[in-house]
Amino acid sequence: MDSSACAPTPPSPWIVRHAHLLRPAGTVLDVACGAGRHVRWLQQRGHRVFAVDRDAQAVQPLRDIADVCVADLEAGAWPYAQRQFDAVVVTNYLWRPLLPHIIQAVAPGGVLLYETFALGQASLGKPSNPAFLLRPGELLDAVRPALRVLRYEDGFVTTPHPAYVQRIVAVREAADAQAADRYNLSTHTASLAEQ
């Protein structure tokens, strides 16, 4: 049996690259977490992780390391009303009616790390439904003015696989934030193997 067939999916390089911006030992919400590649990775780094997905079977193994919520985010109510987190992580997921809830879930001083597919992806394969593909600049427009954008990309990537994506790193400024507050955006150069 090929051992790579059972290897866990590594975390997104976008999430790894910007994880240094997360408050140490902070609370992190992973939206539509699936099998939990980011849940596991963030928990191993000392964060208290909250994981939400509609697939009860996929999240079952995460119950020992995360606060798991099984919820249909597209048909049901947002399960974290009035809750905020030090970070919110979303990858490979888009349900436009949730965007305001996701943004509201970022606590003052907290970070949003979001990466998902954009228009153009249909030329490469799935997802191909425009309802699940961001329009040019859409993610950027969705977070402003509530969050301060630190980094944003909208285009084609070749790694870890060819895809059209939009991705953003944004913070909710704390009430006592100063105009001179700056964030370290140095490119994270450590390989995933070093993580």
N, C-alpha and C. Protein backbone atom coordinates (compact mmCIF):
# COMPACT_ATOMS: atom_id res chain seq x y z
N MET A 1 0.84 -1.20 0.00
CA MET A 1 0.00 0.00 0.00
C MET A 1 0.88 1.25 0.00
N ASP A 2 0.54 2.21 -0.79
CA ASP A 2 1.28 3.46 -0.88
C ASP A 2 0.99 4.30 0.36
N SER A 3 2.01 4.57 1.17
CA SER A 3 1.81 5.32 2.42
C SER A 3 1.38 6.75 2.15
N SER A 4 1.69 7.31 0.97
CA SER A 4 1.28 8.68 0.68
C SER A 4 -0.23 8.78 0.51
N ALA A 5 -0.90 7.67 0.21
CA ALA A 5 -2.35 7.69 0.02
C ALA A 5 -3.06 8.00 1.33
N CYS A 6 -2.44 7.67 2.45
CA CYS A 6 -3.05 7.90 3.76
C CYS A 6 -2.46 9.10 4.48
N ALA A 7 -1.48 9.76 3.88
CA ALA A 7 -0.83 10.89 4.53
C ALA A 7 -1.81 12.03 4.69
N PRO A 8 -1.78 12.71 5.84
CA PRO A 8 -2.69 13.83 6.03
C PRO A 8 -2.36 14.97 5.07
N THR A 9 -3.38 15.68 4.67
CA THR A 9 -3.18 16.84 3.80
C THR A 9 -2.46 17.92 4.60
N PRO A 10 -1.38 18.47 4.05
CA PRO A 10 -0.66 19.52 4.79
C PRO A 10 -1.48 20.80 4.83
N PRO A 11 -1.19 21.68 5.78
CA PRO A 11 -1.91 22.95 5.84
C PRO A 11 -1.59 23.81 4.61
N SER A 12 -2.47 24.71 4.33
CA SER A 12 -2.28 25.64 3.22
C SER A 12 -1.02 26.48 3.45
N PRO A 13 -0.18 26.61 2.43
CA PRO A 13 1.00 27.48 2.58
C PRO A 13 0.62 28.91 2.95
N TRP A 14 -0.55 29.39 2.52
CA TRP A 14 -1.01 30.74 2.87
C TRP A 14 -1.24 30.85 4.38
N ILE A 15 -1.84 29.83 4.97
CA ILE A 15 -2.09 29.83 6.41
C ILE A 15 -0.76 29.74 7.15
N VAL A 16 0.11 28.84 6.73
CA VAL A 16 1.42 28.68 7.38
C VAL A 16 2.21 29.99 7.31
N ARG A 17 2.19 30.61 6.15
CA ARG A 17 2.96 31.84 5.93
C ARG A 17 2.55 32.97 6.86
N HIS A 18 1.28 33.00 7.24
CA HIS A 18 0.78 34.13 8.04
C HIS A 18 0.40 33.76 9.47
N ALA A 19 0.63 32.53 9.86
CA ALA A 19 0.26 32.09 11.21
C ALA A 19 1.01 32.83 12.31
N HIS A 20 2.16 33.41 11.98
CA HIS A 20 2.90 34.16 13.00
C HIS A 20 2.12 35.39 13.48
N LEU A 21 1.11 35.81 12.73
CA LEU A 21 0.31 36.97 13.12
C LEU A 21 -0.74 36.62 14.18
N LEU A 22 -0.97 35.33 14.41
CA LEU A 22 -1.97 34.91 15.39
C LEU A 22 -1.44 35.11 16.81
N ARG A 23 -2.34 35.54 17.68
CA ARG A 23 -2.00 35.72 19.08
C ARG A 23 -1.56 34.37 19.66
N PRO A 24 -0.42 34.31 20.34
CA PRO A 24 0.02 33.04 20.93
C PRO A 24 -1.05 32.45 21.85
N ALA A 25 -1.31 31.17 21.69
CA ALA A 25 -2.29 30.44 22.49
C ALA A 25 -3.70 31.02 22.36
N GLY A 26 -3.96 31.73 21.28
CA GLY A 26 -5.26 32.35 21.08
C GLY A 26 -6.32 31.37 20.61
N THR A 27 -7.55 31.86 20.56
CA THR A 27 -8.67 31.06 20.07
C THR A 27 -8.76 31.23 18.55
N VAL A 28 -8.95 30.10 17.87
CA VAL A 28 -9.02 30.11 16.41
C VAL A 28 -10.26 29.35 15.98
N LEU A 29 -11.05 29.95 15.11
CA LEU A 29 -12.20 29.29 14.50
C LEU A 29 -11.83 28.87 13.09
N ASP A 30 -11.97 27.57 12.80
CA ASP A 30 -11.75 27.04 11.45
C ASP A 30 -13.12 26.75 10.86
N VAL A 31 -13.51 27.56 9.88
CA VAL A 31 -14.84 27.48 9.26
C VAL A 31 -14.80 26.47 8.11
N ALA A 32 -15.78 25.55 8.10
CA ALA A 32 -15.85 24.50 7.08
C ALA A 32 -14.54 23.72 7.08
N CYS A 33 -14.18 23.23 8.25
CA CYS A 33 -12.86 22.66 8.50
C CYS A 33 -12.62 21.32 7.84
N GLY A 34 -13.66 20.63 7.39
CA GLY A 34 -13.47 19.33 6.76
C GLY A 34 -12.81 18.35 7.71
N ALA A 35 -11.78 17.66 7.23
CA ALA A 35 -11.09 16.66 8.05
C ALA A 35 -10.12 17.28 9.06
N GLY A 36 -9.95 18.60 8.99
CA GLY A 36 -9.22 19.28 10.05
C GLY A 36 -7.74 19.49 9.86
N ARG A 37 -7.28 19.65 8.63
CA ARG A 37 -5.84 19.86 8.44
C ARG A 37 -5.34 21.09 9.18
N HIS A 38 -6.13 22.18 9.20
CA HIS A 38 -5.69 23.38 9.92
C HIS A 38 -5.99 23.26 11.42
N VAL A 39 -7.05 22.57 11.76
CA VAL A 39 -7.36 22.33 13.18
C VAL A 39 -6.16 21.67 13.84
N ARG A 40 -5.69 20.59 13.26
CA ARG A 40 -4.56 19.84 13.83
C ARG A 40 -3.30 20.70 13.90
N TRP A 41 -3.00 21.37 12.80
CA TRP A 41 -1.78 22.16 12.71
C TRP A 41 -1.79 23.31 13.73
N LEU A 42 -2.90 23.98 13.85
CA LEU A 42 -3.00 25.10 14.80
C LEU A 42 -3.00 24.62 16.24
N GLN A 43 -3.68 23.52 16.51
CA GLN A 43 -3.70 22.97 17.87
C GLN A 43 -2.29 22.55 18.29
N GLN A 44 -1.52 22.00 17.38
CA GLN A 44 -0.15 21.60 17.69
C GLN A 44 0.73 22.80 18.02
N ARG A 45 0.32 23.97 17.62
CA ARG A 45 1.06 25.19 17.90
C ARG A 45 0.52 25.94 19.10
N GLY A 46 -0.34 25.28 19.86
CA GLY A 46 -0.79 25.84 21.13
C GLY A 46 -2.06 26.65 21.11
N HIS A 47 -2.75 26.69 20.00
CA HIS A 47 -4.00 27.45 19.92
C HIS A 47 -5.17 26.60 20.40
N ARG A 48 -6.17 27.27 20.95
CA ARG A 48 -7.43 26.60 21.27
C ARG A 48 -8.31 26.74 20.03
N VAL A 49 -8.61 25.60 19.41
CA VAL A 49 -9.26 25.62 18.11
C VAL A 49 -10.73 25.22 18.22
N PHE A 50 -11.56 25.97 17.53
CA PHE A 50 -12.98 25.69 17.37
C PHE A 50 -13.16 25.30 15.92
N ALA A 51 -13.81 24.17 15.69
CA ALA A 51 -13.94 23.63 14.34
C ALA A 51 -15.41 23.46 14.00
N VAL A 52 -15.83 23.95 12.85
CA VAL A 52 -17.21 23.79 12.43
C VAL A 52 -17.24 23.24 11.01
N ASP A 53 -18.11 22.24 10.82
CA ASP A 53 -18.32 21.64 9.51
C ASP A 53 -19.64 20.88 9.56
N ARG A 54 -20.22 20.63 8.40
CA ARG A 54 -21.49 19.90 8.38
C ARG A 54 -21.30 18.39 8.38
N ASP A 55 -20.09 17.93 8.12
CA ASP A 55 -19.80 16.50 8.01
C ASP A 55 -19.39 15.94 9.37
N ALA A 56 -20.35 15.34 10.08
CA ALA A 56 -20.10 14.81 11.43
C ALA A 56 -19.02 13.74 11.42
N GLN A 57 -18.99 12.93 10.39
CA GLN A 57 -17.98 11.87 10.31
C GLN A 57 -16.58 12.45 10.14
N ALA A 58 -16.45 13.48 9.34
CA ALA A 58 -15.13 14.09 9.10
C ALA A 58 -14.57 14.74 10.37
N VAL A 59 -15.44 15.37 11.17
CA VAL A 59 -14.95 16.08 12.35
C VAL A 59 -14.85 15.21 13.60
N GLN A 60 -15.43 14.03 13.56
CA GLN A 60 -15.40 13.15 14.74
C GLN A 60 -13.98 12.97 15.31
N PRO A 61 -12.97 12.69 14.48
CA PRO A 61 -11.62 12.50 15.02
C PRO A 61 -11.01 13.75 15.65
N LEU A 62 -11.62 14.90 15.42
CA LEU A 62 -11.09 16.17 15.95
C LEU A 62 -11.57 16.47 17.36
N ARG A 63 -12.54 15.72 17.85
CA ARG A 63 -13.17 16.04 19.14
C ARG A 63 -12.21 16.04 20.32
N ASP A 64 -11.12 15.29 20.22
CA ASP A 64 -10.15 15.26 21.31
C ASP A 64 -9.22 16.46 21.33
N ILE A 65 -9.15 17.20 20.23
CA ILE A 65 -8.21 18.31 20.16
C ILE A 65 -8.86 19.66 19.90
N ALA A 66 -10.17 19.68 19.65
CA ALA A 66 -10.84 20.93 19.31
C ALA A 66 -12.26 20.94 19.85
N ASP A 67 -12.81 22.12 19.95
CA ASP A 67 -14.22 22.31 20.29
C ASP A 67 -14.97 22.20 18.96
N VAL A 68 -15.61 21.08 18.73
CA VAL A 68 -16.23 20.77 17.44
C VAL A 68 -17.72 21.11 17.44
N CYS A 69 -18.15 21.71 16.35
CA CYS A 69 -19.57 22.00 16.14
C CYS A 69 -19.96 21.44 14.78
N VAL A 70 -20.96 20.58 14.76
CA VAL A 70 -21.50 20.07 13.50
C VAL A 70 -22.68 20.95 13.14
N ALA A 71 -22.58 21.63 12.01
CA ALA A 71 -23.64 22.56 11.60
C ALA A 71 -23.64 22.69 10.09
N ASP A 72 -24.81 22.79 9.51
CA ASP A 72 -24.95 23.06 8.09
C ASP A 72 -24.93 24.57 7.94
N LEU A 73 -23.79 25.10 7.59
CA LEU A 73 -23.60 26.55 7.52
C LEU A 73 -24.41 27.21 6.40
N GLU A 74 -24.85 26.42 5.44
CA GLU A 74 -25.58 26.98 4.32
C GLU A 74 -27.09 26.93 4.51
N ALA A 75 -27.57 26.07 5.39
CA ALA A 75 -29.01 25.95 5.60
C ALA A 75 -29.45 26.35 7.01
N GLY A 76 -28.52 26.36 7.94
CA GLY A 76 -28.87 26.66 9.33
C GLY A 76 -28.35 28.01 9.77
N ALA A 77 -28.59 28.28 11.04
CA ALA A 77 -28.13 29.53 11.63
C ALA A 77 -26.63 29.47 11.89
N TRP A 78 -25.99 30.64 11.89
CA TRP A 78 -24.58 30.74 12.22
C TRP A 78 -24.40 30.34 13.69
N PRO A 79 -23.61 29.32 13.97
CA PRO A 79 -23.54 28.79 15.34
C PRO A 79 -22.71 29.62 16.31
N TYR A 80 -22.09 30.69 15.84
CA TYR A 80 -21.21 31.48 16.71
C TYR A 80 -21.69 32.92 16.85
N ALA A 81 -23.00 33.11 16.87
CA ALA A 81 -23.54 34.46 17.04
C ALA A 81 -22.99 35.05 18.33
N GLN A 82 -22.58 36.28 18.26
CA GLN A 82 -22.05 37.03 19.41
C GLN A 82 -20.71 36.50 19.92
N ARG A 83 -20.08 35.55 19.23
CA ARG A 83 -18.76 35.03 19.62
C ARG A 83 -17.70 35.66 18.74
N GLN A 84 -16.57 35.91 19.33
CA GLN A 84 -15.43 36.40 18.55
C GLN A 84 -14.20 35.57 18.90
N PHE A 85 -13.26 35.52 17.97
CA PHE A 85 -12.08 34.68 18.10
C PHE A 85 -10.83 35.50 17.77
N ASP A 86 -9.71 35.06 18.30
CA ASP A 86 -8.45 35.74 18.01
C ASP A 86 -8.05 35.57 16.55
N ALA A 87 -8.55 34.52 15.93
CA ALA A 87 -8.31 34.31 14.50
C ALA A 87 -9.46 33.50 13.92
N VAL A 88 -9.75 33.76 12.67
CA VAL A 88 -10.71 32.96 11.90
C VAL A 88 -10.00 32.52 10.64
N VAL A 89 -10.07 31.21 10.37
CA VAL A 89 -9.42 30.61 9.22
C VAL A 89 -10.49 30.00 8.31
N VAL A 90 -10.40 30.31 7.03
CA VAL A 90 -11.31 29.73 6.04
C VAL A 90 -10.48 29.39 4.81
N THR A 91 -10.57 28.14 4.37
CA THR A 91 -9.89 27.75 3.13
C THR A 91 -10.83 26.89 2.29
N ASN A 92 -10.77 27.13 0.99
CA ASN A 92 -11.52 26.34 0.01
C ASN A 92 -13.01 26.27 0.33
N TYR A 93 -13.57 27.39 0.77
CA TYR A 93 -15.00 27.42 1.10
C TYR A 93 -15.54 28.82 0.84
N LEU A 94 -16.72 28.87 0.25
CA LEU A 94 -17.40 30.14 0.03
C LEU A 94 -18.90 29.93 0.10
N TRP A 95 -19.52 30.64 1.01
CA TRP A 95 -20.97 30.77 1.06
C TRP A 95 -21.21 32.23 1.40
N ARG A 96 -21.52 33.01 0.38
CA ARG A 96 -21.57 34.46 0.52
C ARG A 96 -22.40 34.97 1.69
N PRO A 97 -23.56 34.36 1.99
CA PRO A 97 -24.33 34.88 3.14
C PRO A 97 -23.57 34.79 4.47
N LEU A 98 -22.53 33.97 4.55
CA LEU A 98 -21.75 33.85 5.79
C LEU A 98 -20.67 34.91 5.94
N LEU A 99 -20.30 35.57 4.87
CA LEU A 99 -19.18 36.51 4.94
C LEU A 99 -19.34 37.54 6.06
N PRO A 100 -20.49 38.18 6.24
CA PRO A 100 -20.60 39.13 7.36
C PRO A 100 -20.41 38.47 8.73
N HIS A 101 -20.88 37.24 8.89
CA HIS A 101 -20.71 36.53 10.16
C HIS A 101 -19.24 36.20 10.41
N ILE A 102 -18.56 35.77 9.36
CA ILE A 102 -17.14 35.43 9.48
C ILE A 102 -16.34 36.67 9.88
N ILE A 103 -16.62 37.77 9.25
CA ILE A 103 -15.91 39.01 9.55
C ILE A 103 -16.23 39.47 10.98
N GLN A 104 -17.48 39.38 11.38
CA GLN A 104 -17.87 39.76 12.74
C GLN A 104 -17.22 38.87 13.79
N ALA A 105 -16.88 37.65 13.43
CA ALA A 105 -16.29 36.70 14.38
C ALA A 105 -14.82 37.01 14.71
N VAL A 106 -14.21 37.94 13.99
CA VAL A 106 -12.83 38.33 14.27
C VAL A 106 -12.83 39.33 15.43
N ALA A 107 -12.18 38.98 16.52
CA ALA A 107 -12.13 39.82 17.72
C ALA A 107 -11.23 41.04 17.49
N PRO A 108 -11.40 42.09 18.29
CA PRO A 108 -10.46 43.21 18.21
C PRO A 108 -9.03 42.70 18.42
N GLY A 109 -8.15 43.11 17.52
CA GLY A 109 -6.78 42.62 17.55
C GLY A 109 -6.61 41.28 16.87
N GLY A 110 -7.71 40.71 16.38
CA GLY A 110 -7.70 39.39 15.76
C GLY A 110 -7.42 39.43 14.27
N VAL A 111 -7.21 38.24 13.70
CA VAL A 111 -6.78 38.09 12.32
C VAL A 111 -7.75 37.20 11.54
N LEU A 112 -8.03 37.57 10.31
CA LEU A 112 -8.76 36.72 9.37
C LEU A 112 -7.77 36.22 8.33
N LEU A 113 -7.69 34.90 8.19
CA LEU A 113 -6.90 34.26 7.13
C LEU A 113 -7.89 33.51 6.24
N TYR A 114 -8.05 33.97 5.02
CA TYR A 114 -9.07 33.42 4.13
C TYR A 114 -8.44 33.16 2.77
N GLU A 115 -8.71 31.97 2.23
CA GLU A 115 -8.21 31.60 0.91
C GLU A 115 -9.23 30.67 0.26
N THR A 116 -9.70 31.06 -0.92
CA THR A 116 -10.63 30.18 -1.62
C THR A 116 -10.55 30.44 -3.12
N PHE A 117 -11.34 29.71 -3.84
CA PHE A 117 -11.28 29.73 -5.30
C PHE A 117 -11.95 30.97 -5.88
N ALA A 118 -11.47 31.35 -7.06
CA ALA A 118 -11.96 32.54 -7.75
C ALA A 118 -12.36 32.18 -9.18
N LEU A 119 -13.07 33.14 -9.79
CA LEU A 119 -13.45 32.96 -11.19
C LEU A 119 -12.21 32.62 -12.02
N GLY A 120 -12.39 31.72 -12.94
CA GLY A 120 -11.28 31.20 -13.73
C GLY A 120 -11.01 29.75 -13.37
N GLN A 121 -11.38 29.36 -12.14
CA GLN A 121 -11.14 28.00 -11.68
C GLN A 121 -11.86 26.97 -12.54
N ALA A 122 -13.00 27.33 -13.09
CA ALA A 122 -13.76 26.38 -13.90
C ALA A 122 -12.95 25.88 -15.10
N SER A 123 -12.00 26.68 -15.57
CA SER A 123 -11.17 26.25 -16.69
C SER A 123 -10.19 25.15 -16.29
N LEU A 124 -10.02 24.96 -14.99
CA LEU A 124 -9.09 23.95 -14.48
C LEU A 124 -9.79 22.73 -13.89
N GLY A 125 -11.07 22.89 -13.58
CA GLY A 125 -11.81 21.80 -12.95
C GLY A 125 -12.71 22.33 -11.86
N LYS A 126 -12.87 21.55 -10.80
CA LYS A 126 -13.77 21.90 -9.70
C LYS A 126 -13.08 22.80 -8.69
N PRO A 127 -13.84 23.65 -7.99
CA PRO A 127 -15.24 23.94 -8.24
C PRO A 127 -15.40 24.75 -9.53
N SER A 128 -16.53 24.56 -10.15
CA SER A 128 -16.79 25.27 -11.40
C SER A 128 -18.05 26.12 -11.36
N ASN A 129 -18.88 25.94 -10.34
CA ASN A 129 -20.10 26.70 -10.19
C ASN A 129 -19.75 28.13 -9.76
N PRO A 130 -20.15 29.15 -10.52
CA PRO A 130 -19.82 30.53 -10.16
C PRO A 130 -20.33 30.94 -8.77
N ALA A 131 -21.32 30.24 -8.25
CA ALA A 131 -21.81 30.55 -6.90
C ALA A 131 -20.74 30.29 -5.85
N PHE A 132 -19.74 29.47 -6.17
CA PHE A 132 -18.69 29.12 -5.23
C PHE A 132 -17.33 29.66 -5.64
N LEU A 133 -17.34 30.64 -6.54
CA LEU A 133 -16.10 31.26 -7.01
C LEU A 133 -16.18 32.76 -6.80
N LEU A 134 -15.17 33.32 -6.17
CA LEU A 134 -15.16 34.76 -5.91
C LEU A 134 -14.96 35.55 -7.19
N ARG A 135 -15.68 36.65 -7.30
CA ARG A 135 -15.52 37.59 -8.40
C ARG A 135 -14.28 38.46 -8.14
N PRO A 136 -13.70 39.07 -9.16
CA PRO A 136 -12.51 39.89 -8.95
C PRO A 136 -12.72 40.93 -7.84
N GLY A 137 -11.83 40.93 -6.87
CA GLY A 137 -11.87 41.89 -5.77
C GLY A 137 -12.94 41.65 -4.73
N GLU A 138 -13.72 40.60 -4.87
CA GLU A 138 -14.87 40.40 -3.98
C GLU A 138 -14.47 40.21 -2.52
N LEU A 139 -13.46 39.43 -2.27
CA LEU A 139 -13.04 39.19 -0.89
C LEU A 139 -12.50 40.47 -0.25
N LEU A 140 -11.76 41.21 -1.02
CA LEU A 140 -11.24 42.49 -0.55
C LEU A 140 -12.38 43.43 -0.17
N ASP A 141 -13.37 43.52 -1.03
CA ASP A 141 -14.52 44.39 -0.76
C ASP A 141 -15.33 43.90 0.44
N ALA A 142 -15.39 42.59 0.65
CA ALA A 142 -16.20 42.04 1.74
C ALA A 142 -15.65 42.40 3.11
N VAL A 143 -14.35 42.50 3.25
CA VAL A 143 -13.79 42.73 4.59
C VAL A 143 -13.69 44.21 4.95
N ARG A 144 -13.66 45.08 3.97
CA ARG A 144 -13.52 46.50 4.28
C ARG A 144 -14.88 47.16 4.42
N PRO A 145 -15.04 48.08 5.33
CA PRO A 145 -14.04 48.74 6.15
C PRO A 145 -13.86 48.11 7.54
N ALA A 146 -14.54 47.02 7.83
CA ALA A 146 -14.49 46.45 9.18
C ALA A 146 -13.09 45.99 9.57
N LEU A 147 -12.34 45.47 8.60
CA LEU A 147 -11.01 44.94 8.88
C LEU A 147 -9.96 45.69 8.08
N ARG A 148 -8.77 45.74 8.63
CA ARG A 148 -7.62 46.35 7.95
C ARG A 148 -6.90 45.26 7.15
N VAL A 149 -6.79 45.46 5.87
CA VAL A 149 -6.16 44.47 4.99
C VAL A 149 -4.64 44.60 5.08
N LEU A 150 -3.99 43.48 5.40
CA LEU A 150 -2.53 43.45 5.46
C LEU A 150 -1.93 42.87 4.19
N ARG A 151 -2.62 41.88 3.62
CA ARG A 151 -2.13 41.26 2.40
C ARG A 151 -3.33 40.70 1.64
N TYR A 152 -3.27 40.83 0.31
CA TYR A 152 -4.36 40.35 -0.53
C TYR A 152 -3.78 39.90 -1.87
N GLU A 153 -4.28 38.78 -2.35
CA GLU A 153 -3.88 38.28 -3.66
C GLU A 153 -5.12 37.79 -4.40
N ASP A 154 -5.11 37.99 -5.70
CA ASP A 154 -6.24 37.58 -6.55
C ASP A 154 -5.64 37.17 -7.89
N GLY A 155 -5.55 35.85 -8.12
CA GLY A 155 -4.96 35.42 -9.37
C GLY A 155 -4.72 33.93 -9.44
N PHE A 156 -3.78 33.56 -10.29
CA PHE A 156 -3.47 32.16 -10.56
C PHE A 156 -2.24 31.74 -9.76
N VAL A 157 -2.31 30.56 -9.16
CA VAL A 157 -1.17 29.98 -8.45
C VAL A 157 -0.88 28.60 -9.04
N THR A 158 0.37 28.17 -8.90
CA THR A 158 0.74 26.84 -9.40
C THR A 158 0.99 25.85 -8.28
N THR A 159 1.17 26.34 -7.06
CA THR A 159 1.42 25.43 -5.93
C THR A 159 0.46 25.75 -4.79
N PRO A 160 -0.02 24.78 -4.05
CA PRO A 160 0.37 23.38 -4.13
C PRO A 160 -0.20 22.67 -5.36
N HIS A 161 -1.15 23.30 -6.05
CA HIS A 161 -1.69 22.77 -7.31
C HIS A 161 -2.24 23.97 -8.09
N PRO A 162 -2.31 23.88 -9.42
CA PRO A 162 -2.82 25.01 -10.20
C PRO A 162 -4.25 25.37 -9.78
N ALA A 163 -4.46 26.67 -9.55
CA ALA A 163 -5.79 27.13 -9.14
C ALA A 163 -5.88 28.64 -9.30
N TYR A 164 -7.10 29.10 -9.50
CA TYR A 164 -7.39 30.53 -9.43
C TYR A 164 -7.93 30.79 -8.03
N VAL A 165 -7.29 31.70 -7.31
CA VAL A 165 -7.65 31.93 -5.92
C VAL A 165 -7.72 33.42 -5.59
N GLN A 166 -8.43 33.69 -4.51
CA GLN A 166 -8.32 34.95 -3.80
C GLN A 166 -7.96 34.58 -2.37
N ARG A 167 -7.09 35.38 -1.78
CA ARG A 167 -6.72 35.14 -0.40
C ARG A 167 -6.38 36.46 0.26
N ILE A 168 -6.67 36.49 1.55
CA ILE A 168 -6.53 37.74 2.28
C ILE A 168 -6.06 37.48 3.70
N VAL A 169 -5.31 38.44 4.21
CA VAL A 169 -4.96 38.51 5.62
C VAL A 169 -5.43 39.88 6.07
N ALA A 170 -6.30 39.89 7.06
CA ALA A 170 -6.85 41.16 7.54
C ALA A 170 -7.00 41.11 9.05
N VAL A 171 -6.92 42.26 9.69
CA VAL A 171 -7.03 42.35 11.14
C VAL A 171 -8.15 43.30 11.52
N ARG A 172 -8.76 43.01 12.66
CA ARG A 172 -9.68 43.97 13.26
C ARG A 172 -8.84 44.77 14.24
N GLU A 173 -8.63 46.02 13.94
CA GLU A 173 -7.80 46.85 14.80
C GLU A 173 -8.39 46.91 16.21
N ALA A 174 -7.54 46.81 17.20
CA ALA A 174 -7.97 46.96 18.59
C ALA A 174 -8.36 48.42 18.82
N ALA A 175 -9.21 48.64 19.80
CA ALA A 175 -9.69 50.00 20.09
C ALA A 175 -8.54 50.95 20.38
N ASP A 176 -7.45 50.43 20.97
CA ASP A 176 -6.32 51.28 21.31
C ASP A 176 -5.22 51.27 20.24
N ALA A 177 -5.54 50.83 19.04
CA ALA A 177 -4.55 50.77 17.96
C ALA A 177 -4.06 52.17 17.63
N GLN A 178 -2.78 52.25 17.34
CA GLN A 178 -2.16 53.52 16.98
C GLN A 178 -1.91 53.54 15.47
N ALA A 179 -1.86 54.73 14.93
CA ALA A 179 -1.62 54.87 13.49
C ALA A 179 -0.30 54.22 13.10
N ALA A 180 0.64 54.18 14.03
CA ALA A 180 1.97 53.62 13.72
C ALA A 180 2.03 52.10 13.90
N ASP A 181 0.93 51.49 14.33
CA ASP A 181 0.96 50.03 14.50
C ASP A 181 1.31 49.38 13.16
N ARG A 182 2.21 48.44 13.24
CA ARG A 182 2.64 47.74 12.04
C ARG A 182 2.64 46.24 12.31
N TYR A 183 2.55 45.47 11.26
CA TYR A 183 2.53 44.02 11.35
C TYR A 183 3.68 43.47 10.55
N ASN A 184 4.34 42.46 11.07
CA ASN A 184 5.46 41.83 10.39
C ASN A 184 4.94 40.98 9.24
N LEU A 185 5.19 41.39 8.03
CA LEU A 185 4.72 40.66 6.85
C LEU A 185 5.84 39.92 6.16
N SER A 186 6.95 39.76 6.85
CA SER A 186 8.07 39.02 6.26
C SER A 186 7.58 37.67 5.78
N THR A 187 8.03 37.27 4.62
CA THR A 187 7.64 35.99 4.05
C THR A 187 8.16 34.88 4.93
N HIS A 188 7.30 33.96 5.25
CA HIS A 188 7.64 32.80 6.05
C HIS A 188 8.36 31.84 5.13
N THR A 189 9.64 31.53 5.41
CA THR A 189 10.42 30.73 4.50
C THR A 189 10.64 29.30 4.94
N ALA A 190 10.25 28.96 6.17
CA ALA A 190 10.44 27.58 6.63
C ALA A 190 9.56 26.65 5.82
N SER A 191 10.08 25.49 5.52
CA SER A 191 9.29 24.51 4.77
C SER A 191 8.28 23.87 5.70
N LEU A 192 7.26 23.28 5.12
CA LEU A 192 6.25 22.58 5.93
C LEU A 192 6.89 21.45 6.73
N ALA A 193 7.93 20.85 6.20
CA ALA A 193 8.59 19.76 6.93
C ALA A 193 9.20 20.26 8.23
N GLU A 194 9.60 21.53 8.28
CA GLU A 194 10.17 22.10 9.49
C GLU A 194 9.10 22.48 10.50
N GLN A 195 7.86 22.50 10.06
CA GLN A 195 6.76 22.87 10.94
C GLN A 195 6.49 21.76 11.87
